[in-house]
Amino acid sequence: MTMRPLPQTVVHLLPPVAAVLAFALIGCLVGGASATVVTTCRAAADSDARVDYGFCVAELGMHRESPDADVWGLAKVAALTGVNNADNAVYDIKALLLLAADDGAKSRSPPPDGPTRAALEKCGRLYDSVGFAFAEADDEINNRRYAAGKGKVAEAVSLARQCDDALAKAAAVPSPLAQHSSYNVRIANICTAITNLIK
């Protein structure tokens, strides 16, 4: 039995069709991974008005574990993102305290005064605890103890607010940690809302 060659028009169509199918497959794989973040953040924002949808997608979408994560995994990613923010806050606090020790010699910014320095030292300890609270939230969610995980997230928010209060009493205006404080609350809201979505 001999095979007849394919008509010339069919031969020319095969490579473009194969290319289109390959791009469609890649698009499904890439889109499917981010669709979990997108759909989970949409559901979280729909269920809790405190959740900033765009922030949720941006922050969770950047994490290395997000592409393969389901709702449970994304709740853990949110908790881990809170740990990262707390670590960054501690780093920034140490930098500000070093500035105070050098009397601002290496910076254009004035060094923090005595009360602000004391508040920053307290904030360093508090943000250390914020990081541990988010890490414990991750552990609790990982072990499917969701109420305990949400409790640890609430603890992280409370600890960061204590830092805000200490800086306010020291009259550190604007707060040098305002960005970390805002991020902490936003990621805590996301973590809690996503945890509430877990079935």
N, C-alpha and C. Protein backbone atom coordinates (compact mmCIF):
# COMPACT_ATOMS: atom_id res chain seq x y z
N MET A 1 0.84 -1.17 0.00
CA MET A 1 0.00 0.00 0.00
C MET A 1 0.89 1.24 0.00
N THR A 2 0.71 2.06 -0.97
CA THR A 2 1.49 3.29 -1.05
C THR A 2 0.64 4.46 -0.56
N MET A 3 1.33 5.39 0.09
CA MET A 3 0.62 6.58 0.60
C MET A 3 0.73 7.70 -0.41
N ARG A 4 -0.35 8.35 -0.60
CA ARG A 4 -0.35 9.49 -1.49
C ARG A 4 0.15 10.71 -0.74
N PRO A 5 0.91 11.55 -1.35
CA PRO A 5 1.33 12.78 -0.69
C PRO A 5 0.13 13.69 -0.44
N LEU A 6 0.23 14.45 0.62
CA LEU A 6 -0.84 15.40 0.94
C LEU A 6 -0.89 16.50 -0.10
N PRO A 7 -2.08 16.98 -0.38
CA PRO A 7 -2.16 18.10 -1.32
C PRO A 7 -1.34 19.29 -0.79
N GLN A 8 -0.82 20.08 -1.67
CA GLN A 8 0.07 21.19 -1.34
C GLN A 8 -0.59 22.16 -0.37
N THR A 9 -1.87 22.43 -0.49
CA THR A 9 -2.54 23.39 0.40
C THR A 9 -2.58 22.88 1.84
N VAL A 10 -2.74 21.59 2.03
CA VAL A 10 -2.76 21.02 3.38
C VAL A 10 -1.37 21.11 4.01
N VAL A 11 -0.31 20.85 3.24
CA VAL A 11 1.05 20.91 3.75
C VAL A 11 1.36 22.32 4.24
N HIS A 12 0.92 23.34 3.52
CA HIS A 12 1.19 24.72 3.92
C HIS A 12 0.38 25.14 5.14
N LEU A 13 -0.74 24.53 5.38
CA LEU A 13 -1.57 24.89 6.53
C LEU A 13 -1.07 24.25 7.82
N LEU A 14 -0.39 23.13 7.74
CA LEU A 14 0.01 22.44 8.96
C LEU A 14 0.91 23.27 9.87
N PRO A 15 1.99 23.90 9.40
CA PRO A 15 2.83 24.66 10.33
C PRO A 15 2.08 25.81 11.03
N PRO A 16 1.29 26.63 10.31
CA PRO A 16 0.57 27.68 11.02
C PRO A 16 -0.44 27.12 12.04
N VAL A 17 -1.12 26.05 11.68
CA VAL A 17 -2.08 25.44 12.60
C VAL A 17 -1.35 24.94 13.84
N ALA A 18 -0.19 24.30 13.64
CA ALA A 18 0.60 23.80 14.76
C ALA A 18 1.06 24.95 15.64
N ALA A 19 1.46 26.04 15.02
CA ALA A 19 1.92 27.20 15.78
C ALA A 19 0.78 27.79 16.61
N VAL A 20 -0.39 27.90 15.99
CA VAL A 20 -1.55 28.44 16.72
C VAL A 20 -1.90 27.54 17.90
N LEU A 21 -1.90 26.24 17.67
CA LEU A 21 -2.20 25.31 18.76
C LEU A 21 -1.16 25.39 19.87
N ALA A 22 0.09 25.54 19.50
CA ALA A 22 1.16 25.65 20.51
C ALA A 22 0.98 26.92 21.33
N PHE A 23 0.69 28.05 20.66
CA PHE A 23 0.46 29.30 21.39
C PHE A 23 -0.77 29.20 22.28
N ALA A 24 -1.81 28.55 21.80
CA ALA A 24 -3.02 28.38 22.60
C ALA A 24 -2.73 27.54 23.84
N LEU A 25 -1.95 26.49 23.68
CA LEU A 25 -1.58 25.64 24.81
C LEU A 25 -0.76 26.42 25.83
N ILE A 26 0.23 27.17 25.35
CA ILE A 26 1.05 27.98 26.26
C ILE A 26 0.17 29.02 26.95
N GLY A 27 -0.72 29.66 26.22
CA GLY A 27 -1.63 30.65 26.80
C GLY A 27 -2.51 30.05 27.88
N CYS A 28 -2.98 28.83 27.65
CA CYS A 28 -3.81 28.17 28.66
C CYS A 28 -3.00 27.86 29.91
N LEU A 29 -1.78 27.41 29.71
CA LEU A 29 -0.94 27.08 30.87
C LEU A 29 -0.60 28.32 31.67
N VAL A 30 -0.21 29.39 30.99
CA VAL A 30 0.14 30.63 31.69
C VAL A 30 -1.12 31.27 32.26
N GLY A 31 -2.16 31.36 31.45
CA GLY A 31 -3.41 31.97 31.92
C GLY A 31 -4.05 31.18 33.03
N GLY A 32 -3.96 29.87 32.98
CA GLY A 32 -4.55 29.04 34.02
C GLY A 32 -3.88 29.26 35.36
N ALA A 33 -2.57 29.45 35.35
CA ALA A 33 -1.85 29.65 36.60
C ALA A 33 -2.25 30.96 37.23
N SER A 34 -2.29 32.03 36.43
CA SER A 34 -2.65 33.31 37.00
C SER A 34 -4.15 33.43 37.22
N ALA A 35 -4.92 32.62 36.52
CA ALA A 35 -6.37 32.68 36.71
C ALA A 35 -6.74 32.32 38.14
N THR A 36 -5.98 31.42 38.77
CA THR A 36 -6.28 31.08 40.16
C THR A 36 -6.10 32.30 41.05
N VAL A 37 -5.02 33.05 40.86
CA VAL A 37 -4.81 34.27 41.63
C VAL A 37 -5.92 35.27 41.33
N VAL A 38 -6.20 35.47 40.05
CA VAL A 38 -7.21 36.44 39.63
C VAL A 38 -8.59 36.07 40.18
N THR A 39 -8.99 34.83 40.00
CA THR A 39 -10.33 34.44 40.45
C THR A 39 -10.43 34.40 41.98
N THR A 40 -9.35 33.99 42.64
CA THR A 40 -9.37 33.97 44.10
C THR A 40 -9.41 35.38 44.66
N CYS A 41 -8.63 36.28 44.09
CA CYS A 41 -8.65 37.67 44.56
C CYS A 41 -10.01 38.31 44.28
N ARG A 42 -10.61 37.98 43.14
CA ARG A 42 -11.94 38.52 42.84
C ARG A 42 -12.95 38.01 43.87
N ALA A 43 -12.91 36.73 44.17
CA ALA A 43 -13.84 36.17 45.16
C ALA A 43 -13.59 36.78 46.54
N ALA A 44 -12.32 36.97 46.89
CA ALA A 44 -12.00 37.58 48.20
C ALA A 44 -12.52 39.01 48.27
N ALA A 45 -12.32 39.78 47.20
CA ALA A 45 -12.79 41.16 47.18
C ALA A 45 -14.32 41.23 47.20
N ASP A 46 -14.95 40.28 46.51
CA ASP A 46 -16.42 40.25 46.51
C ASP A 46 -16.98 39.88 47.88
N SER A 47 -16.23 39.08 48.63
CA SER A 47 -16.73 38.63 49.93
C SER A 47 -16.35 39.57 51.08
N ASP A 48 -15.36 40.43 50.88
CA ASP A 48 -14.89 41.32 51.94
C ASP A 48 -14.49 42.65 51.32
N ALA A 49 -15.24 43.70 51.64
CA ALA A 49 -15.02 45.01 51.03
C ALA A 49 -13.65 45.60 51.37
N ARG A 50 -12.99 45.09 52.40
CA ARG A 50 -11.66 45.61 52.78
C ARG A 50 -10.56 45.12 51.84
N VAL A 51 -10.84 44.12 51.03
CA VAL A 51 -9.83 43.55 50.13
C VAL A 51 -9.71 44.41 48.88
N ASP A 52 -8.49 44.87 48.62
CA ASP A 52 -8.17 45.63 47.42
C ASP A 52 -7.80 44.61 46.33
N TYR A 53 -8.69 44.46 45.36
CA TYR A 53 -8.53 43.44 44.33
C TYR A 53 -7.21 43.60 43.56
N GLY A 54 -6.91 44.80 43.10
CA GLY A 54 -5.69 45.03 42.32
C GLY A 54 -4.44 44.73 43.13
N PHE A 55 -4.43 45.15 44.38
CA PHE A 55 -3.29 44.88 45.27
C PHE A 55 -3.14 43.37 45.48
N CYS A 56 -4.26 42.69 45.66
CA CYS A 56 -4.25 41.24 45.87
C CYS A 56 -3.61 40.54 44.67
N VAL A 57 -4.06 40.86 43.48
CA VAL A 57 -3.53 40.22 42.28
C VAL A 57 -2.05 40.54 42.12
N ALA A 58 -1.69 41.80 42.33
CA ALA A 58 -0.29 42.21 42.14
C ALA A 58 0.63 41.51 43.14
N GLU A 59 0.24 41.49 44.39
CA GLU A 59 1.13 40.93 45.42
C GLU A 59 1.18 39.41 45.40
N LEU A 60 0.03 38.76 45.30
CA LEU A 60 0.04 37.30 45.29
C LEU A 60 0.58 36.77 43.97
N GLY A 61 0.33 37.48 42.89
CA GLY A 61 0.81 37.04 41.59
C GLY A 61 2.32 37.03 41.47
N MET A 62 3.01 37.82 42.30
CA MET A 62 4.48 37.87 42.23
C MET A 62 5.16 36.74 43.00
N HIS A 63 4.42 36.09 43.89
CA HIS A 63 5.05 35.08 44.75
C HIS A 63 5.34 33.81 43.97
N ARG A 64 6.48 33.20 44.23
CA ARG A 64 6.91 32.02 43.47
C ARG A 64 5.99 30.82 43.64
N GLU A 65 5.23 30.75 44.72
CA GLU A 65 4.35 29.60 44.94
C GLU A 65 2.95 29.79 44.36
N SER A 66 2.64 31.00 43.90
CA SER A 66 1.30 31.29 43.41
C SER A 66 0.87 30.52 42.17
N PRO A 67 1.75 30.33 41.18
CA PRO A 67 1.27 29.68 39.96
C PRO A 67 0.66 28.29 40.17
N ASP A 68 1.13 27.55 41.16
CA ASP A 68 0.62 26.21 41.40
C ASP A 68 -0.37 26.14 42.55
N ALA A 69 -0.69 27.28 43.14
CA ALA A 69 -1.50 27.29 44.36
C ALA A 69 -3.00 27.29 44.08
N ASP A 70 -3.72 26.58 44.93
CA ASP A 70 -5.17 26.66 44.93
C ASP A 70 -5.55 27.71 45.99
N VAL A 71 -6.82 27.78 46.37
CA VAL A 71 -7.26 28.77 47.34
C VAL A 71 -6.51 28.58 48.67
N TRP A 72 -6.41 27.37 49.14
CA TRP A 72 -5.68 27.06 50.37
C TRP A 72 -4.23 27.53 50.27
N GLY A 73 -3.60 27.23 49.14
CA GLY A 73 -2.21 27.65 48.93
C GLY A 73 -2.06 29.15 48.87
N LEU A 74 -3.04 29.85 48.28
CA LEU A 74 -2.96 31.31 48.20
C LEU A 74 -3.17 31.96 49.56
N ALA A 75 -3.95 31.34 50.44
CA ALA A 75 -4.07 31.86 51.81
C ALA A 75 -2.71 31.79 52.50
N LYS A 76 -1.99 30.70 52.26
CA LYS A 76 -0.65 30.56 52.83
C LYS A 76 0.32 31.55 52.20
N VAL A 77 0.21 31.77 50.90
CA VAL A 77 1.05 32.74 50.22
C VAL A 77 0.83 34.14 50.81
N ALA A 78 -0.43 34.48 51.08
CA ALA A 78 -0.72 35.79 51.68
C ALA A 78 -0.04 35.92 53.05
N ALA A 79 -0.10 34.85 53.84
CA ALA A 79 0.56 34.88 55.15
C ALA A 79 2.07 35.04 54.98
N LEU A 80 2.66 34.33 54.04
CA LEU A 80 4.10 34.43 53.81
C LEU A 80 4.49 35.82 53.30
N THR A 81 3.61 36.43 52.54
CA THR A 81 3.85 37.80 52.07
C THR A 81 3.85 38.76 53.25
N GLY A 82 3.01 38.48 54.25
CA GLY A 82 3.03 39.28 55.47
C GLY A 82 4.35 39.13 56.22
N VAL A 83 4.90 37.91 56.22
CA VAL A 83 6.22 37.69 56.85
C VAL A 83 7.27 38.54 56.14
N ASN A 84 7.25 38.54 54.81
CA ASN A 84 8.23 39.31 54.04
C ASN A 84 8.13 40.80 54.35
N ASN A 85 6.91 41.33 54.44
CA ASN A 85 6.73 42.74 54.75
C ASN A 85 7.29 43.05 56.14
N ALA A 86 7.02 42.19 57.10
CA ALA A 86 7.53 42.40 58.46
C ALA A 86 9.05 42.39 58.47
N ASP A 87 9.65 41.47 57.74
CA ASP A 87 11.11 41.42 57.64
C ASP A 87 11.67 42.70 57.02
N ASN A 88 10.99 43.19 55.99
CA ASN A 88 11.42 44.44 55.36
C ASN A 88 11.29 45.62 56.33
N ALA A 89 10.24 45.62 57.14
CA ALA A 89 10.05 46.69 58.13
C ALA A 89 11.19 46.66 59.15
N VAL A 90 11.55 45.48 59.62
CA VAL A 90 12.66 45.36 60.59
C VAL A 90 13.95 45.87 59.96
N TYR A 91 14.19 45.53 58.71
CA TYR A 91 15.38 46.01 58.01
C TYR A 91 15.39 47.54 57.94
N ASP A 92 14.25 48.13 57.57
CA ASP A 92 14.16 49.60 57.47
C ASP A 92 14.33 50.25 58.84
N ILE A 93 13.79 49.64 59.87
CA ILE A 93 13.95 50.18 61.22
C ILE A 93 15.42 50.18 61.62
N LYS A 94 16.10 49.09 61.34
CA LYS A 94 17.54 49.03 61.65
C LYS A 94 18.31 50.11 60.91
N ALA A 95 17.95 50.35 59.66
CA ALA A 95 18.61 51.40 58.87
C ALA A 95 18.35 52.77 59.49
N LEU A 96 17.12 53.01 59.94
CA LEU A 96 16.80 54.29 60.57
C LEU A 96 17.55 54.46 61.89
N LEU A 97 17.69 53.39 62.64
CA LEU A 97 18.42 53.46 63.91
C LEU A 97 19.91 53.67 63.67
N LEU A 98 20.44 53.10 62.60
CA LEU A 98 21.84 53.35 62.25
C LEU A 98 22.04 54.81 61.86
N LEU A 99 21.06 55.37 61.19
CA LEU A 99 21.09 56.78 60.83
C LEU A 99 21.17 57.63 62.09
N ALA A 100 20.41 57.24 63.10
CA ALA A 100 20.43 57.97 64.37
C ALA A 100 21.80 57.84 65.03
N ALA A 101 22.39 56.66 64.95
CA ALA A 101 23.70 56.45 65.57
C ALA A 101 24.78 57.26 64.86
N ASP A 102 24.63 57.47 63.54
CA ASP A 102 25.61 58.25 62.78
C ASP A 102 25.27 59.72 62.75
N ASP A 103 24.21 60.12 63.47
CA ASP A 103 23.73 61.51 63.48
C ASP A 103 23.41 62.03 62.08
N GLY A 104 22.99 61.11 61.22
CA GLY A 104 22.58 61.52 59.88
C GLY A 104 23.73 61.90 58.98
N ALA A 105 24.97 61.60 59.37
CA ALA A 105 26.14 62.02 58.59
C ALA A 105 26.13 61.47 57.17
N LYS A 106 25.57 60.30 56.96
CA LYS A 106 25.61 59.67 55.64
C LYS A 106 24.31 59.87 54.85
N SER A 107 23.43 60.70 55.37
CA SER A 107 22.14 60.86 54.73
C SER A 107 21.74 62.32 54.72
N ARG A 108 20.84 62.64 53.79
CA ARG A 108 20.28 63.99 53.77
C ARG A 108 19.16 64.13 54.79
N SER A 109 18.63 63.00 55.26
CA SER A 109 17.54 63.03 56.24
C SER A 109 18.10 63.27 57.64
N PRO A 110 17.37 64.03 58.44
CA PRO A 110 17.84 64.20 59.81
C PRO A 110 17.64 62.90 60.59
N PRO A 111 18.51 62.65 61.56
CA PRO A 111 18.35 61.42 62.34
C PRO A 111 17.12 61.51 63.23
N PRO A 112 16.52 60.38 63.58
CA PRO A 112 15.37 60.41 64.46
C PRO A 112 15.77 60.94 65.84
N ASP A 113 14.88 61.71 66.45
CA ASP A 113 15.17 62.26 67.77
C ASP A 113 15.00 61.17 68.84
N GLY A 114 15.24 61.51 70.11
CA GLY A 114 15.18 60.54 71.20
C GLY A 114 13.87 59.77 71.29
N PRO A 115 12.73 60.47 71.34
CA PRO A 115 11.46 59.74 71.43
C PRO A 115 11.17 58.87 70.19
N THR A 116 11.54 59.38 69.03
CA THR A 116 11.33 58.61 67.80
C THR A 116 12.24 57.39 67.79
N ARG A 117 13.47 57.57 68.27
CA ARG A 117 14.41 56.45 68.34
C ARG A 117 13.85 55.36 69.26
N ALA A 118 13.33 55.76 70.42
CA ALA A 118 12.75 54.78 71.35
C ALA A 118 11.56 54.07 70.72
N ALA A 119 10.74 54.84 69.99
CA ALA A 119 9.57 54.24 69.31
C ALA A 119 10.03 53.26 68.23
N LEU A 120 11.08 53.63 67.49
CA LEU A 120 11.60 52.73 66.45
C LEU A 120 12.16 51.45 67.05
N GLU A 121 12.83 51.57 68.18
CA GLU A 121 13.35 50.36 68.85
C GLU A 121 12.19 49.44 69.24
N LYS A 122 11.13 50.05 69.76
CA LYS A 122 9.94 49.27 70.12
C LYS A 122 9.32 48.64 68.86
N CYS A 123 9.27 49.42 67.79
CA CYS A 123 8.70 48.92 66.53
C CYS A 123 9.52 47.76 65.97
N GLY A 124 10.82 47.81 66.15
CA GLY A 124 11.66 46.71 65.70
C GLY A 124 11.26 45.41 66.37
N ARG A 125 11.03 45.48 67.68
CA ARG A 125 10.59 44.28 68.41
C ARG A 125 9.18 43.87 67.98
N LEU A 126 8.32 44.86 67.79
CA LEU A 126 6.94 44.56 67.39
C LEU A 126 6.88 43.93 66.00
N TYR A 127 7.62 44.48 65.04
CA TYR A 127 7.59 43.92 63.69
C TYR A 127 8.26 42.56 63.63
N ASP A 128 9.22 42.30 64.52
CA ASP A 128 9.75 40.94 64.65
C ASP A 128 8.60 39.99 65.01
N SER A 129 7.78 40.42 65.96
CA SER A 129 6.63 39.62 66.39
C SER A 129 5.57 39.53 65.31
N VAL A 130 5.41 40.60 64.52
CA VAL A 130 4.46 40.56 63.39
C VAL A 130 4.88 39.45 62.43
N GLY A 131 6.16 39.37 62.12
CA GLY A 131 6.66 38.33 61.23
C GLY A 131 6.38 36.94 61.77
N PHE A 132 6.62 36.76 63.08
CA PHE A 132 6.35 35.46 63.69
C PHE A 132 4.86 35.15 63.67
N ALA A 133 4.01 36.15 63.89
CA ALA A 133 2.56 35.92 63.87
C ALA A 133 2.11 35.47 62.48
N PHE A 134 2.61 36.12 61.44
CA PHE A 134 2.25 35.70 60.07
C PHE A 134 2.79 34.30 59.78
N ALA A 135 3.99 34.01 60.25
CA ALA A 135 4.56 32.66 60.04
C ALA A 135 3.71 31.61 60.75
N GLU A 136 3.25 31.94 61.96
CA GLU A 136 2.37 31.01 62.68
C GLU A 136 1.02 30.88 61.98
N ALA A 137 0.54 31.98 61.37
CA ALA A 137 -0.70 31.91 60.59
C ALA A 137 -0.52 30.94 59.42
N ASP A 138 0.62 31.03 58.75
CA ASP A 138 0.92 30.10 57.66
C ASP A 138 0.89 28.66 58.17
N ASP A 139 1.52 28.41 59.30
CA ASP A 139 1.53 27.05 59.88
C ASP A 139 0.12 26.57 60.19
N GLU A 140 -0.68 27.44 60.81
CA GLU A 140 -2.05 27.05 61.18
C GLU A 140 -2.90 26.76 59.93
N ILE A 141 -2.78 27.62 58.93
CA ILE A 141 -3.53 27.40 57.69
C ILE A 141 -3.05 26.12 57.02
N ASN A 142 -1.74 25.91 57.02
CA ASN A 142 -1.18 24.69 56.45
C ASN A 142 -1.74 23.44 57.13
N ASN A 143 -1.96 23.53 58.44
CA ASN A 143 -2.51 22.40 59.20
C ASN A 143 -4.04 22.41 59.23
N ARG A 144 -4.61 23.28 58.42
CA ARG A 144 -6.07 23.39 58.24
C ARG A 144 -6.81 23.78 59.52
N ARG A 145 -6.12 24.55 60.35
CA ARG A 145 -6.74 25.14 61.53
C ARG A 145 -6.98 26.62 61.20
N TYR A 146 -8.04 26.84 60.44
CA TYR A 146 -8.28 28.15 59.84
C TYR A 146 -8.60 29.23 60.86
N ALA A 147 -9.39 28.92 61.87
CA ALA A 147 -9.71 29.93 62.89
C ALA A 147 -8.45 30.38 63.62
N ALA A 148 -7.58 29.44 63.94
CA ALA A 148 -6.32 29.79 64.60
C ALA A 148 -5.44 30.62 63.67
N GLY A 149 -5.43 30.28 62.39
CA GLY A 149 -4.65 31.05 61.41
C GLY A 149 -5.14 32.48 61.32
N LYS A 150 -6.45 32.65 61.25
CA LYS A 150 -7.01 34.02 61.19
C LYS A 150 -6.75 34.76 62.49
N GLY A 151 -6.71 34.06 63.60
CA GLY A 151 -6.37 34.69 64.87
C GLY A 151 -4.94 35.22 64.87
N LYS A 152 -4.03 34.47 64.28
CA LYS A 152 -2.63 34.92 64.19
C LYS A 152 -2.50 36.12 63.26
N VAL A 153 -3.29 36.14 62.19
CA VAL A 153 -3.30 37.30 61.30
C VAL A 153 -3.80 38.54 62.05
N ALA A 154 -4.85 38.38 62.83
CA ALA A 154 -5.37 39.49 63.63
C ALA A 154 -4.32 39.96 64.64
N GLU A 155 -3.58 39.03 65.19
CA GLU A 155 -2.49 39.37 66.13
C GLU A 155 -1.43 40.21 65.42
N ALA A 156 -1.09 39.85 64.20
CA ALA A 156 -0.09 40.61 63.43
C ALA A 156 -0.56 42.05 63.22
N VAL A 157 -1.82 42.23 62.91
CA VAL A 157 -2.37 43.58 62.72
C VAL A 157 -2.31 44.36 64.02
N SER A 158 -2.67 43.73 65.12
CA SER A 158 -2.65 44.39 66.42
C SER A 158 -1.24 44.83 66.79
N LEU A 159 -0.26 43.99 66.54
CA LEU A 159 1.13 44.33 66.86
C LEU A 159 1.61 45.51 66.02
N ALA A 160 1.26 45.54 64.74
CA ALA A 160 1.67 46.65 63.88
C ALA A 160 0.99 47.94 64.32
N ARG A 161 -0.24 47.85 64.78
CA ARG A 161 -0.94 49.05 65.28
C ARG A 161 -0.27 49.59 66.54
N GLN A 162 0.28 48.70 67.36
CA GLN A 162 1.01 49.15 68.54
C GLN A 162 2.23 49.97 68.12
N CYS A 163 2.87 49.57 67.04
CA CYS A 163 3.99 50.33 66.49
C CYS A 163 3.51 51.70 66.01
N ASP A 164 2.40 51.72 65.28
CA ASP A 164 1.84 52.99 64.80
C ASP A 164 1.56 53.92 65.98
N ASP A 165 0.99 53.37 67.05
CA ASP A 165 0.67 54.17 68.24
C ASP A 165 1.94 54.73 68.88
N ALA A 166 2.97 53.90 68.97
CA ALA A 166 4.24 54.34 69.57
C ALA A 166 4.85 55.48 68.76
N LEU A 167 4.81 55.36 67.43
CA LEU A 167 5.34 56.43 66.59
C LEU A 167 4.50 57.70 66.69
N ALA A 168 3.19 57.54 66.79
CA ALA A 168 2.31 58.71 66.93
C ALA A 168 2.60 59.44 68.24
N LYS A 169 2.78 58.69 69.32
CA LYS A 169 3.09 59.31 70.62
C LYS A 169 4.44 60.02 70.59
N ALA A 170 5.36 59.52 69.77
CA ALA A 170 6.68 60.15 69.64
C ALA A 170 6.64 61.32 68.66
N ALA A 171 5.46 61.58 68.12
CA ALA A 171 5.25 62.67 67.15
C ALA A 171 6.11 62.48 65.90
N ALA A 172 6.27 61.24 65.48
CA ALA A 172 7.00 60.94 64.25
C ALA A 172 6.04 61.07 63.09
N VAL A 173 5.93 62.30 62.59
CA VAL A 173 4.99 62.59 61.51
C VAL A 173 5.78 63.12 60.34
N PRO A 174 5.66 62.57 59.18
CA PRO A 174 4.92 61.34 58.89
C PRO A 174 5.66 60.12 59.43
N SER A 175 4.90 59.08 59.64
CA SER A 175 5.49 57.85 60.17
C SER A 175 6.48 57.28 59.16
N PRO A 176 7.69 56.94 59.60
CA PRO A 176 8.65 56.34 58.68
C PRO A 176 8.27 54.91 58.27
N LEU A 177 7.27 54.35 58.93
CA LEU A 177 6.85 52.99 58.63
C LEU A 177 5.43 52.93 58.06
N ALA A 178 4.93 54.06 57.59
CA ALA A 178 3.54 54.11 57.10
C ALA A 178 3.29 53.10 55.98
N GLN A 179 4.24 52.95 55.09
CA GLN A 179 4.06 52.01 53.97
C GLN A 179 3.96 50.57 54.49
N HIS A 180 4.80 50.20 55.44
CA HIS A 180 4.76 48.85 56.00
C HIS A 180 3.46 48.62 56.77
N SER A 181 3.03 49.64 57.49
CA SER A 181 1.79 49.52 58.26
C SER A 181 0.59 49.31 57.34
N SER A 182 0.51 50.10 56.29
CA SER A 182 -0.58 49.97 55.34
C SER A 182 -0.55 48.61 54.66
N TYR A 183 0.64 48.18 54.23
CA TYR A 183 0.79 46.89 53.58
C TYR A 183 0.34 45.77 54.52
N ASN A 184 0.73 45.87 55.78
CA ASN A 184 0.40 44.85 56.78
C ASN A 184 -1.11 44.66 56.88
N VAL A 185 -1.83 45.74 56.97
CA VAL A 185 -3.30 45.67 57.08
C VAL A 185 -3.91 45.10 55.80
N ARG A 186 -3.41 45.56 54.66
CA ARG A 186 -3.98 45.11 53.39
C ARG A 186 -3.75 43.62 53.16
N ILE A 187 -2.54 43.13 53.46
CA ILE A 187 -2.26 41.71 53.23
C ILE A 187 -2.99 40.86 54.28
N ALA A 188 -3.17 41.40 55.48
CA ALA A 188 -3.93 40.68 56.51
C ALA A 188 -5.39 40.51 56.07
N ASN A 189 -5.96 41.57 55.51
CA ASN A 189 -7.35 41.48 55.02
C ASN A 189 -7.46 40.43 53.92
N ILE A 190 -6.48 40.40 53.03
CA ILE A 190 -6.48 39.42 51.94
C ILE A 190 -6.36 38.00 52.49
N CYS A 191 -5.42 37.82 53.41
CA CYS A 191 -5.21 36.48 53.99
C CYS A 191 -6.48 35.98 54.68
N THR A 192 -7.11 36.84 55.44
CA THR A 192 -8.33 36.45 56.17
C THR A 192 -9.45 36.14 55.18
N ALA A 193 -9.64 36.99 54.18
CA ALA A 193 -10.72 36.80 53.22
C ALA A 193 -10.51 35.50 52.42
N ILE A 194 -9.28 35.25 52.00
CA ILE A 194 -9.02 34.02 51.23
C ILE A 194 -9.20 32.79 52.12
N THR A 195 -8.76 32.88 53.36
CA THR A 195 -8.95 31.76 54.27
C THR A 195 -10.43 31.46 54.45
N ASN A 196 -11.25 32.51 54.47
CA ASN A 196 -12.71 32.32 54.58
C ASN A 196 -13.29 31.63 53.36
N LEU A 197 -12.59 31.67 52.23
CA LEU A 197 -13.09 31.03 51.00
C LEU A 197 -12.83 29.53 50.96
N ILE A 198 -11.91 29.06 51.79
CA ILE A 198 -11.53 27.65 51.74
C ILE A 198 -12.72 26.79 52.15
N LYS A 199 -13.00 25.81 51.31
CA LYS A 199 -14.14 24.91 51.58
C LYS A 199 -13.66 23.66 52.28
